PDB file of N, CA and C in Angstrom:
ATOM      1  N   MET A   1       0.849  -1.171   0.000  1.00  0.00           N
ATOM      2  CA  MET A   1       0.000   0.000   0.000  1.00  0.00           C
ATOM      3  C   MET A   1       0.898   1.240   0.000  1.00  0.00           C
ATOM      4  N   ASN A   2       0.592   2.172  -0.865  1.00  0.00           N
ATOM      5  CA  ASN A   2       1.346   3.405  -0.999  1.00  0.00           C
ATOM      6  C   ASN A   2       0.508   4.547  -0.405  1.00  0.00           C
ATOM      7  N   VAL A   3       0.982   5.148   0.686  1.00  0.00           N
ATOM      8  CA  VAL A   3       0.201   6.112   1.462  1.00  0.00           C
ATOM      9  C   VAL A   3       0.835   7.499   1.406  1.00  0.00           C
ATOM     10  N   LEU A   4      -0.011   8.506   1.208  1.00  0.00           N
ATOM     11  CA  LEU A   4       0.420   9.899   1.283  1.00  0.00           C
ATOM     12  C   LEU A   4      -0.080  10.469   2.600  1.00  0.00           C
ATOM     13  N   ILE A   5       0.835  11.037   3.377  1.00  0.00           N
ATOM     14  CA  ILE A   5       0.485  11.669   4.642  1.00  0.00           C
ATOM     15  C   ILE A   5       0.687  13.168   4.485  1.00  0.00           C
ATOM     16  N   LEU A   6      -0.406  13.917   4.585  1.00  0.00           N
ATOM     17  CA  LEU A   6      -0.363  15.376   4.516  1.00  0.00           C
ATOM     18  C   LEU A   6      -0.562  15.901   5.939  1.00  0.00           C
ATOM     19  N   GLU A   7       0.518  16.282   6.578  1.00  0.00           N
ATOM     20  CA  GLU A   7       0.477  16.687   7.980  1.00  0.00           C
ATOM     21  C   GLU A   7       1.631  17.648   8.256  1.00  0.00           C
ATOM     22  N   ASP A   8       1.309  18.843   8.750  1.00  0.00           N
ATOM     23  CA  ASP A   8       2.366  19.823   8.998  1.00  0.00           C
ATOM     24  C   ASP A   8       3.066  19.637  10.338  1.00  0.00           C
ATOM     25  N   GLU A   9       2.475  18.912  11.261  1.00  0.00           N
ATOM     26  CA  GLU A   9       3.061  18.701  12.581  1.00  0.00           C
ATOM     27  C   GLU A   9       3.819  17.373  12.606  1.00  0.00           C
ATOM     28  N   PHE A  10       5.116  17.447  12.889  1.00  0.00           N
ATOM     29  CA  PHE A  10       5.940  16.236  12.883  1.00  0.00           C
ATOM     30  C   PHE A  10       5.482  15.182  13.891  1.00  0.00           C
ATOM     31  N   PRO A  11       5.115  15.546  15.137  1.00  0.00           N
ATOM     32  CA  PRO A  11       4.668  14.502  16.072  1.00  0.00           C
ATOM     33  C   PRO A  11       3.428  13.744  15.574  1.00  0.00           C
ATOM     34  N   ALA A  12       2.472  14.443  14.989  1.00  0.00           N
ATOM     35  CA  ALA A  12       1.267  13.783  14.463  1.00  0.00           C
ATOM     36  C   ALA A  12       1.624  12.866  13.300  1.00  0.00           C
ATOM     37  N   ALA A  13       2.509  13.307  12.429  1.00  0.00           N
ATOM     38  CA  ALA A  13       2.926  12.478  11.288  1.00  0.00           C
ATOM     39  C   ALA A  13       3.637  11.213  11.781  1.00  0.00           C
ATOM     40  N   LYS A  14       4.521  11.360  12.766  1.00  0.00           N
ATOM     41  CA  LYS A  14       5.230  10.203  13.310  1.00  0.00           C
ATOM     42  C   LYS A  14       4.251   9.207  13.940  1.00  0.00           C
ATOM     43  N   LYS A  15       3.240   9.726  14.606  1.00  0.00           N
ATOM     44  CA  LYS A  15       2.227   8.873  15.235  1.00  0.00           C
ATOM     45  C   LYS A  15       1.466   8.078  14.163  1.00  0.00           C
ATOM     46  N   ILE A  16       1.093   8.743  13.071  1.00  0.00           N
ATOM     47  CA  ILE A  16       0.396   8.073  11.974  1.00  0.00           C
ATOM     48  C   ILE A  16       1.272   6.970  11.379  1.00  0.00           C
ATOM     49  N   VAL A  17       2.531   7.289  11.115  1.00  0.00           N
ATOM     50  CA  VAL A  17       3.450   6.294  10.539  1.00  0.00           C
ATOM     51  C   VAL A  17       3.605   5.104  11.485  1.00  0.00           C
ATOM     52  N   TYR A  18       3.734   5.370  12.758  1.00  0.00           N
ATOM     53  CA  TYR A  18       3.872   4.294  13.740  1.00  0.00           C
ATOM     54  C   TYR A  18       2.648   3.381  13.724  1.00  0.00           C
ATOM     55  N   TYR A  19       1.460   3.978  13.752  1.00  0.00           N
ATOM     56  CA  TYR A  19       0.231   3.175  13.729  1.00  0.00           C
ATOM     57  C   TYR A  19       0.110   2.378  12.434  1.00  0.00           C
ATOM     58  N   LEU A  20       0.401   3.010  11.311  1.00  0.00           N
ATOM     59  CA  LEU A  20       0.321   2.301  10.034  1.00  0.00           C
ATOM     60  C   LEU A  20       1.288   1.126   9.988  1.00  0.00           C
ATOM     61  N   SER A  21       2.479   1.316  10.526  1.00  0.00           N
ATOM     62  CA  SER A  21       3.456   0.224  10.518  1.00  0.00           C
ATOM     63  C   SER A  21       2.976  -0.931  11.392  1.00  0.00           C
ATOM     64  N   GLU A  22       2.253  -0.624  12.473  1.00  0.00           N
ATOM     65  CA  GLU A  22       1.690  -1.689  13.304  1.00  0.00           C
ATOM     66  C   GLU A  22       0.588  -2.452  12.569  1.00  0.00           C
ATOM     67  N   PHE A  23      -0.260  -1.730  11.839  1.00  0.00           N
ATOM     68  CA  PHE A  23      -1.397  -2.355  11.154  1.00  0.00           C
ATOM     69  C   PHE A  23      -0.985  -3.059   9.869  1.00  0.00           C
ATOM     70  N   LEU A  24      -0.096  -2.433   9.126  1.00  0.00           N
ATOM     71  CA  LEU A  24       0.224  -2.916   7.785  1.00  0.00           C
ATOM     72  C   LEU A  24       1.578  -3.611   7.690  1.00  0.00           C
ATOM     73  N   GLY A  25       2.373  -3.524   8.737  1.00  0.00           N
ATOM     74  CA  GLY A  25       3.698  -4.143   8.711  1.00  0.00           C
ATOM     75  C   GLY A  25       4.556  -3.534   7.617  1.00  0.00           C
ATOM     76  N   SER A  26       5.268  -4.379   6.932  1.00  0.00           N
ATOM     77  CA  SER A  26       6.144  -3.891   5.861  1.00  0.00           C
ATOM     78  C   SER A  26       5.394  -3.753   4.542  1.00  0.00           C
ATOM     79  N   GLU A  27       4.079  -3.875   4.599  1.00  0.00           N
ATOM     80  CA  GLU A  27       3.254  -3.839   3.388  1.00  0.00           C
ATOM     81  C   GLU A  27       2.910  -2.428   2.929  1.00  0.00           C
ATOM     82  N   PHE A  28       3.559  -1.402   3.529  1.00  0.00           N
ATOM     83  CA  PHE A  28       3.223  -0.057   3.084  1.00  0.00           C
ATOM     84  C   PHE A  28       4.470   0.811   2.940  1.00  0.00           C
ATOM     85  N   ASN A  29       4.348   1.744   2.010  1.00  0.00           N
ATOM     86  CA  ASN A  29       5.332   2.804   1.812  1.00  0.00           C
ATOM     87  C   ASN A  29       4.595   4.100   2.037  1.00  0.00           C
ATOM     88  N   TYR A  30       5.302   5.115   2.484  1.00  0.00           N
ATOM     89  CA  TYR A  30       4.625   6.387   2.695  1.00  0.00           C
ATOM     90  C   TYR A  30       5.475   7.555   2.228  1.00  0.00           C
ATOM     91  N   THR A  31       4.768   8.634   1.915  1.00  0.00           N
ATOM     92  CA  THR A  31       5.374   9.918   1.604  1.00  0.00           C
ATOM     93  C   THR A  31       4.733  10.919   2.548  1.00  0.00           C
ATOM     94  N   HIS A  32       5.557  11.690   3.231  1.00  0.00           N
ATOM     95  CA  HIS A  32       5.052  12.688   4.176  1.00  0.00           C
ATOM     96  C   HIS A  32       5.333  14.083   3.612  1.00  0.00           C
ATOM     97  N   LEU A  33       4.274  14.882   3.498  1.00  0.00           N
ATOM     98  CA  LEU A  33       4.395  16.258   3.018  1.00  0.00           C
ATOM     99  C   LEU A  33       3.719  17.199   4.008  1.00  0.00           C
ATOM    100  N   ARG A  34       4.171  18.473   4.023  1.00  0.00           N
ATOM    101  CA  ARG A  34       3.672  19.417   5.020  1.00  0.00           C
ATOM    102  C   ARG A  34       2.936  20.617   4.435  1.00  0.00           C
ATOM    103  N   SER A  35       2.870  20.741   3.121  1.00  0.00           N
ATOM    104  CA  SER A  35       2.275  21.953   2.549  1.00  0.00           C
ATOM    105  C   SER A  35       1.356  21.659   1.367  1.00  0.00           C
ATOM    106  N   VAL A  36       0.518  22.636   1.077  1.00  0.00           N
ATOM    107  CA  VAL A  36      -0.380  22.559  -0.079  1.00  0.00           C
ATOM    108  C   VAL A  36       0.445  22.456  -1.359  1.00  0.00           C
ATOM    109  N   LYS A  37       1.459  23.301  -1.478  1.00  0.00           N
ATOM    110  CA  LYS A  37       2.289  23.311  -2.693  1.00  0.00           C
ATOM    111  C   LYS A  37       2.915  21.937  -2.932  1.00  0.00           C
ATOM    112  N   GLU A  38       3.499  21.343  -1.901  1.00  0.00           N
ATOM    113  CA  GLU A  38       4.104  20.014  -2.051  1.00  0.00           C
ATOM    114  C   GLU A  38       3.055  18.978  -2.448  1.00  0.00           C
ATOM    115  N   GLY A  39       1.871  19.065  -1.838  1.00  0.00           N
ATOM    116  CA  GLY A  39       0.800  18.122  -2.150  1.00  0.00           C
ATOM    117  C   GLY A  39       0.365  18.198  -3.597  1.00  0.00           C
ATOM    118  N   ILE A  40       0.167  19.418  -4.085  1.00  0.00           N
ATOM    119  CA  ILE A  40      -0.228  19.598  -5.484  1.00  0.00           C
ATOM    120  C   ILE A  40       0.853  19.075  -6.416  1.00  0.00           C
ATOM    121  N   ASP A  41       2.102  19.437  -6.128  1.00  0.00           N
ATOM    122  CA  ASP A  41       3.213  19.018  -6.981  1.00  0.00           C
ATOM    123  C   ASP A  41       3.308  17.499  -7.091  1.00  0.00           C
ATOM    124  N   ILE A  42       3.255  16.790  -5.964  1.00  0.00           N
ATOM    125  CA  ILE A  42       3.432  15.333  -6.025  1.00  0.00           C
ATOM    126  C   ILE A  42       2.219  14.640  -6.637  1.00  0.00           C
ATOM    127  N   LEU A  43       1.025  15.144  -6.360  1.00  0.00           N
ATOM    128  CA  LEU A  43      -0.166  14.484  -6.909  1.00  0.00           C
ATOM    129  C   LEU A  43      -0.332  14.727  -8.403  1.00  0.00           C
ATOM    130  N   LYS A  44       0.231  15.813  -8.910  1.00  0.00           N
ATOM    131  CA  LYS A  44       0.232  16.025 -10.368  1.00  0.00           C
ATOM    132  C   LYS A  44       1.234  15.091 -11.039  1.00  0.00           C
ATOM    133  N   LYS A  45       2.350  14.820 -10.369  1.00  0.00           N
ATOM    134  CA  LYS A  45       3.398  13.980 -10.943  1.00  0.00           C
ATOM    135  C   LYS A  45       3.171  12.497 -10.671  1.00  0.00           C
ATOM    136  N   MET A  46       2.639  12.176  -9.480  1.00  0.00           N
ATOM    137  CA  MET A  46       2.555  10.788  -9.054  1.00  0.00           C
ATOM    138  C   MET A  46       1.232  10.543  -8.328  1.00  0.00           C
ATOM    139  N   PRO A  47       0.142  10.454  -9.051  1.00  0.00           N
ATOM    140  CA  PRO A  47      -1.164  10.248  -8.401  1.00  0.00           C
ATOM    141  C   PRO A  47      -1.472   8.786  -8.094  1.00  0.00           C
ATOM    142  N   SER A  48      -0.441   7.997  -7.809  1.00  0.00           N
ATOM    143  CA  SER A  48      -0.633   6.548  -7.666  1.00  0.00           C
ATOM    144  C   SER A  48      -0.684   6.090  -6.210  1.00  0.00           C
ATOM    145  N   PHE A  49      -1.158   6.930  -5.320  1.00  0.00           N
ATOM    146  CA  PHE A  49      -1.301   6.531  -3.921  1.00  0.00           C
ATOM    147  C   PHE A  49      -2.576   5.707  -3.752  1.00  0.00           C
ATOM    148  N   ASP A  50      -2.542   4.798  -2.795  1.00  0.00           N
ATOM    149  CA  ASP A  50      -3.709   3.977  -2.485  1.00  0.00           C
ATOM    150  C   ASP A  50      -4.596   4.621  -1.432  1.00  0.00           C
ATOM    151  N   LEU A  51      -3.998   5.488  -0.616  1.00  0.00           N
ATOM    152  CA  LEU A  51      -4.707   6.100   0.492  1.00  0.00           C
ATOM    153  C   LEU A  51      -4.012   7.402   0.864  1.00  0.00           C
ATOM    154  N   ILE A  52      -4.808   8.389   1.290  1.00  0.00           N
ATOM    155  CA  ILE A  52      -4.264   9.649   1.800  1.00  0.00           C
ATOM    156  C   ILE A  52      -4.771   9.838   3.229  1.00  0.00           C
ATOM    157  N   LEU A  53      -3.869  10.162   4.136  1.00  0.00           N
ATOM    158  CA  LEU A  53      -4.239  10.615   5.472  1.00  0.00           C
ATOM    159  C   LEU A  53      -3.879  12.083   5.522  1.00  0.00           C
ATOM    160  N   SER A  54      -4.855  12.931   5.784  1.00  0.00           N
ATOM    161  CA  SER A  54      -4.644  14.359   5.619  1.00  0.00           C
ATOM    162  C   SER A  54      -5.165  15.181   6.789  1.00  0.00           C
ATOM    163  N   ASP A  55      -4.307  16.075   7.254  1.00  0.00           N
ATOM    164  CA  ASP A  55      -4.738  17.138   8.148  1.00  0.00           C
ATOM    165  C   ASP A  55      -5.491  18.137   7.277  1.00  0.00           C
ATOM    166  N   ILE A  56      -6.269  19.023   7.875  1.00  0.00           N
ATOM    167  CA  ILE A  56      -6.962  20.060   7.099  1.00  0.00           C
ATOM    168  C   ILE A  56      -6.044  21.265   6.906  1.00  0.00           C
ATOM    169  N   LYS A  57      -5.501  21.775   8.008  1.00  0.00           N
ATOM    170  CA  LYS A  57      -4.658  22.975   7.940  1.00  0.00           C
ATOM    171  C   LYS A  57      -3.204  22.565   7.800  1.00  0.00           C
ATOM    172  N   LEU A  58      -2.604  22.976   6.686  1.00  0.00           N
ATOM    173  CA  LEU A  58      -1.203  22.702   6.413  1.00  0.00           C
ATOM    174  C   LEU A  58      -0.414  24.004   6.538  1.00  0.00           C
ATOM    175  N   LEU A  59       0.880  23.963   6.276  1.00  0.00           N
ATOM    176  CA  LEU A  59       1.727  25.138   6.469  1.00  0.00           C
ATOM    177  C   LEU A  59       1.284  26.357   5.668  1.00  0.00           C
ATOM    178  N   ASP A  60       0.809  26.141   4.451  1.00  0.00           N
ATOM    179  CA  ASP A  60       0.516  27.264   3.553  1.00  0.00           C
ATOM    180  C   ASP A  60      -0.940  27.310   3.086  1.00  0.00           C
ATOM    181  N   GLY A  61      -1.839  26.673   3.812  1.00  0.00           N
ATOM    182  CA  GLY A  61      -3.250  26.699   3.421  1.00  0.00           C
ATOM    183  C   GLY A  61      -3.956  25.454   3.922  1.00  0.00           C
ATOM    184  N   THR A  62      -5.048  25.088   3.251  1.00  0.00           N
ATOM    185  CA  THR A  62      -5.785  23.893   3.655  1.00  0.00           C
ATOM    186  C   THR A  62      -5.639  22.794   2.614  1.00  0.00           C
ATOM    187  N   SER A  63      -5.798  21.571   3.062  1.00  0.00           N
ATOM    188  CA  SER A  63      -5.689  20.440   2.142  1.00  0.00           C
ATOM    189  C   SER A  63      -6.785  20.482   1.077  1.00  0.00           C
ATOM    190  N   PHE A  64      -7.889  21.169   1.366  1.00  0.00           N
ATOM    191  CA  PHE A  64      -8.949  21.281   0.356  1.00  0.00           C
ATOM    192  C   PHE A  64      -8.456  22.006  -0.893  1.00  0.00           C
ATOM    193  N   GLU A  65      -7.484  22.886  -0.741  1.00  0.00           N
ATOM    194  CA  GLU A  65      -6.895  23.562  -1.901  1.00  0.00           C
ATOM    195  C   GLU A  65      -6.227  22.536  -2.820  1.00  0.00           C
ATOM    196  N   ILE A  66      -5.628  21.522  -2.243  1.00  0.00           N
ATOM    197  CA  ILE A  66      -5.014  20.452  -3.039  1.00  0.00           C
ATOM    198  C   ILE A  66      -6.095  19.701  -3.795  1.00  0.00           C
ATOM    199  N   PHE A  67      -7.139  19.291  -3.057  1.00  0.00           N
ATOM    200  CA  PHE A  67      -8.174  18.450  -3.646  1.00  0.00           C
ATOM    201  C   PHE A  67      -9.066  19.219  -4.621  1.00  0.00           C
ATOM    202  N   ASP A  68      -9.078  20.556  -4.540  1.00  0.00           N
ATOM    203  CA  ASP A  68      -9.782  21.377  -5.521  1.00  0.00           C
ATOM    204  C   ASP A  68      -8.953  21.562  -6.792  1.00  0.00           C
ATOM    205  N   THR A  69      -7.629  21.412  -6.668  1.00  0.00           N
ATOM    206  CA  THR A  69      -6.725  21.644  -7.794  1.00  0.00           C
ATOM    207  C   THR A  69      -6.458  20.370  -8.595  1.00  0.00           C
ATOM    208  N   VAL A  70      -6.298  19.259  -7.888  1.00  0.00           N
ATOM    209  CA  VAL A  70      -5.931  17.995  -8.515  1.00  0.00           C
ATOM    210  C   VAL A  70      -7.102  17.019  -8.382  1.00  0.00           C
ATOM    211  N   TYR A  71      -7.583  16.504  -9.504  1.00  0.00           N
ATOM    212  CA  TYR A  71      -8.665  15.520  -9.454  1.00  0.00           C
ATOM    213  C   TYR A  71      -8.111  14.204  -8.929  1.00  0.00           C
ATOM    214  N   LEU A  72      -8.787  13.639  -7.929  1.00  0.00           N
ATOM    215  CA  LEU A  72      -8.349  12.384  -7.333  1.00  0.00           C
ATOM    216  C   LEU A  72      -9.517  11.434  -7.140  1.00  0.00           C
ATOM    217  N   SER A  73      -9.227  10.156  -7.211  1.00  0.00           N
ATOM    218  CA  SER A  73     -10.213   9.153  -6.828  1.00  0.00           C
ATOM    219  C   SER A  73      -9.674   8.323  -5.664  1.00  0.00           C
ATOM    220  N   ILE A  74      -8.670   8.860  -4.996  1.00  0.00           N
ATOM    221  CA  ILE A  74      -8.016   8.187  -3.876  1.00  0.00           C
ATOM    222  C   ILE A  74      -8.823   8.434  -2.601  1.00  0.00           C
ATOM    223  N   PRO A  75      -9.098   7.404  -1.798  1.00  0.00           N
ATOM    224  CA  PRO A  75      -9.802   7.632  -0.536  1.00  0.00           C
ATOM    225  C   PRO A  75      -8.942   8.448   0.433  1.00  0.00           C
ATOM    226  N   ILE A  76      -9.605   9.320   1.197  1.00  0.00           N
ATOM    227  CA  ILE A  76      -8.915  10.220   2.120  1.00  0.00           C
ATOM    228  C   ILE A  76      -9.469  10.030   3.526  1.00  0.00           C
ATOM    229  N   ILE A  77      -8.567   9.847   4.470  1.00  0.00           N
ATOM    230  CA  ILE A  77      -8.918   9.854   5.889  1.00  0.00           C
ATOM    231  C   ILE A  77      -8.421  11.187   6.432  1.00  0.00           C
ATOM    232  N   PHE A  78      -9.331  12.005   6.910  1.00  0.00           N
ATOM    233  CA  PHE A  78      -8.958  13.299   7.474  1.00  0.00           C
ATOM    234  C   PHE A  78      -8.668  13.139   8.954  1.00  0.00           C
ATOM    235  N   CYS A  79      -7.520  13.652   9.383  1.00  0.00           N
ATOM    236  CA  CYS A  79      -7.093  13.629  10.785  1.00  0.00           C
ATOM    237  C   CYS A  79      -6.826  15.080  11.174  1.00  0.00           C
ATOM    238  N   THR A  80      -7.724  15.696  11.925  1.00  0.00           N
ATOM    239  CA  THR A  80      -7.644  17.129  12.144  1.00  0.00           C
ATOM    240  C   THR A  80      -8.164  17.523  13.519  1.00  0.00           C
ATOM    241  N   ALA A  81      -7.847  18.727  13.923  1.00  0.00           N
ATOM    242  CA  ALA A  81      -8.341  19.270  15.188  1.00  0.00           C
ATOM    243  C   ALA A  81      -9.603  20.103  14.981  1.00  0.00           C
ATOM    244  N   TYR A  82     -10.047  20.222  13.737  1.00  0.00           N
ATOM    245  CA  TYR A  82     -11.156  21.123  13.398  1.00  0.00           C
ATOM    246  C   TYR A  82     -12.382  20.345  12.952  1.00  0.00           C
ATOM    247  N   GLU A  83     -13.405  20.348  13.779  1.00  0.00           N
ATOM    248  CA  GLU A  83     -14.599  19.588  13.417  1.00  0.00           C
ATOM    249  C   GLU A  83     -15.501  20.318  12.443  1.00  0.00           C
ATOM    250  N   GLU A  84     -15.290  21.612  12.247  1.00  0.00           N
ATOM    251  CA  GLU A  84     -16.188  22.375  11.373  1.00  0.00           C
ATOM    252  C   GLU A  84     -16.028  22.078   9.879  1.00  0.00           C
ATOM    253  N   HIS A  85     -15.054  21.268   9.514  1.00  0.00           N
ATOM    254  CA  HIS A  85     -14.821  20.959   8.089  1.00  0.00           C
ATOM    255  C   HIS A  85     -15.390  19.604   7.680  1.00  0.00           C
ATOM    256  N   LEU A  86     -16.164  19.001   8.538  1.00  0.00           N
ATOM    257  CA  LEU A  86     -16.667  17.648   8.300  1.00  0.00           C
ATOM    258  C   LEU A  86     -17.421  17.521   6.977  1.00  0.00           C
ATOM    259  N   LEU A  87     -18.366  18.392   6.733  1.00  0.00           N
ATOM    260  CA  LEU A  87     -19.164  18.309   5.507  1.00  0.00           C
ATOM    261  C   LEU A  87     -18.294  18.479   4.265  1.00  0.00           C
ATOM    262  N   GLU A  88     -17.406  19.451   4.296  1.00  0.00           N
ATOM    263  CA  GLU A  88     -16.518  19.682   3.148  1.00  0.00           C
ATOM    264  C   GLU A  88     -15.621  18.462   2.895  1.00  0.00           C
ATOM    265  N   ALA A  89     -15.189  17.801   3.958  1.00  0.00           N
ATOM    266  CA  ALA A  89     -14.328  16.623   3.810  1.00  0.00           C
ATOM    267  C   ALA A  89     -15.030  15.513   3.051  1.00  0.00           C
ATOM    268  N   PHE A  90     -16.301  15.322   3.323  1.00  0.00           N
ATOM    269  CA  PHE A  90     -17.018  14.252   2.645  1.00  0.00           C
ATOM    270  C   PHE A  90     -17.480  14.641   1.248  1.00  0.00           C
ATOM    271  N   LYS A  91     -17.324  15.900   0.885  1.00  0.00           N
ATOM    272  CA  LYS A  91     -17.572  16.313  -0.506  1.00  0.00           C
ATOM    273  C   LYS A  91     -16.364  15.987  -1.378  1.00  0.00           C
ATOM    274  N   THR A  92     -15.228  15.716  -0.750  1.00  0.00           N
ATOM    275  CA  THR A  92     -14.061  15.222  -1.487  1.00  0.00           C
ATOM    276  C   THR A  92     -14.170  13.702  -1.435  1.00  0.00           C
ATOM    277  N   ASN A  93     -13.071  13.024  -1.400  1.00  0.00           N
ATOM    278  CA  ASN A  93     -13.091  11.558  -1.311  1.00  0.00           C
ATOM    279  C   ASN A  93     -12.938  11.094   0.125  1.00  0.00           C
ATOM    280  N   GLY A  94     -13.410  11.902   1.069  1.00  0.00           N
ATOM    281  CA  GLY A  94     -13.283  11.557   2.483  1.00  0.00           C
ATOM    282  C   GLY A  94     -14.044  10.296   2.836  1.00  0.00           C
ATOM    283  N   ILE A  95     -13.359   9.364   3.494  1.00  0.00           N
ATOM    284  CA  ILE A  95     -14.009   8.135   3.941  1.00  0.00           C
ATOM    285  C   ILE A  95     -14.079   8.068   5.465  1.00  0.00           C
ATOM    286  N   ALA A  96     -13.307   8.933   6.148  1.00  0.00           N
ATOM    287  CA  ALA A  96     -13.333   8.998   7.611  1.00  0.00           C
ATOM    288  C   ALA A  96     -12.854  10.378   8.038  1.00  0.00           C
ATOM    289  N   TYR A  97     -13.284  10.785   9.218  1.00  0.00           N
ATOM    290  CA  TYR A  97     -12.939  12.099   9.768  1.00  0.00           C
ATOM    291  C   TYR A  97     -12.621  11.886  11.242  1.00  0.00           C
ATOM    292  N   ILE A  98     -11.349  11.986  11.575  1.00  0.00           N
ATOM    293  CA  ILE A  98     -10.877  11.688  12.925  1.00  0.00           C
ATOM    294  C   ILE A  98     -10.366  12.975  13.564  1.00  0.00           C
ATOM    295  N   LEU A  99     -10.854  13.257  14.756  1.00  0.00           N
ATOM    296  CA  LEU A  99     -10.426  14.454  15.462  1.00  0.00           C
ATOM    297  C   LEU A  99      -9.174  14.179  16.299  1.00  0.00           C
ATOM    298  N   LYS A 100      -8.247  15.141  16.279  1.00  0.00           N
ATOM    299  CA  LYS A 100      -7.049  15.064  17.116  1.00  0.00           C
ATOM    300  C   LYS A 100      -7.427  15.435  18.545  1.00  0.00           C
ATOM    301  N   PRO A 101      -6.793  14.872  19.517  1.00  0.00           N
ATOM    302  CA  PRO A 101      -5.764  13.837  19.397  1.00  0.00           C
ATOM    303  C   PRO A 101      -6.411  12.488  19.099  1.00  0.00           C
ATOM    304  N   PHE A 102      -5.966  11.850  18.041  1.00  0.00           N
ATOM    305  CA  PHE A 102      -6.569  10.588  17.617  1.00  0.00           C
ATOM    306  C   PHE A 102      -5.875   9.418  18.309  1.00  0.00           C
ATOM    307  N   SER A 103      -6.590   8.330  18.365  1.00  0.00           N
ATOM    308  CA  SER A 103      -6.063   7.120  18.999  1.00  0.00           C
ATOM    309  C   SER A 103      -5.696   6.083  17.936  1.00  0.00           C
ATOM    310  N   LYS A 104      -4.965   5.103  18.373  1.00  0.00           N
ATOM    311  CA  LYS A 104      -4.603   3.996  17.492  1.00  0.00           C
ATOM    312  C   LYS A 104      -5.853   3.292  16.984  1.00  0.00           C
ATOM    313  N   GLU A 105      -6.820   3.116  17.865  1.00  0.00           N
ATOM    314  CA  GLU A 105      -8.056   2.421  17.497  1.00  0.00           C
ATOM    315  C   GLU A 105      -8.842   3.205  16.437  1.00  0.00           C
ATOM    316  N   GLU A 106      -8.859   4.526  16.535  1.00  0.00           N
ATOM    317  CA  GLU A 106      -9.572   5.347  15.544  1.00  0.00           C
ATOM    318  C   GLU A 106      -8.925   5.224  14.168  1.00  0.00           C
ATOM    319  N   ILE A 107      -7.611   5.235  14.120  1.00  0.00           N
ATOM    320  CA  ILE A 107      -6.911   5.071  12.835  1.00  0.00           C
ATOM    321  C   ILE A 107      -7.179   3.677  12.280  1.00  0.00           C
ATOM    322  N   LYS A 108      -7.096   2.674  13.136  1.00  0.00           N
ATOM    323  CA  LYS A 108      -7.323   1.289  12.692  1.00  0.00           C
ATOM    324  C   LYS A 108      -8.729   1.130  12.140  1.00  0.00           C
ATOM    325  N   THR A 109      -9.729   1.676  12.819  1.00  0.00           N
ATOM    326  CA  THR A 109     -11.107   1.582  12.356  1.00  0.00           C
ATOM    327  C   THR A 109     -11.278   2.276  11.007  1.00  0.00           C
ATOM    328  N   ALA A 110     -10.656   3.433  10.838  1.00  0.00           N
ATOM    329  CA  ALA A 110     -10.767   4.175   9.575  1.00  0.00           C
ATOM    330  C   ALA A 110     -10.133   3.404   8.425  1.00  0.00           C
ATOM    331  N   ILE A 111      -9.036   2.750   8.702  1.00  0.00           N
ATOM    332  CA  ILE A 111      -8.348   1.978   7.643  1.00  0.00           C
ATOM    333  C   ILE A 111      -9.145   0.741   7.326  1.00  0.00           C
TER     334      ILE A 111
END
């Protein structure tokens, strides 16, 4: 499984990677990005991810700017501290919406 992690906070990204490695073992590769610009750039060049785990607020804007710019059919699990974006998340390819601080069980259930 090839996973894109869009998360500007290093501790949250490390937590996601740790949980994924527990659930998926060596069966996954990941790319971690922290900004809208990086997200747009990689998804235009390499849209072959199987899953995206995304925070809403990134260093230079919101992840919705990425998903409005690049057409995707990749499922997205949103991991964020902001509950007010729930409806907008499911208008993209959102399959789960997890509020921070998230638990291992919440990530496992979403996957």
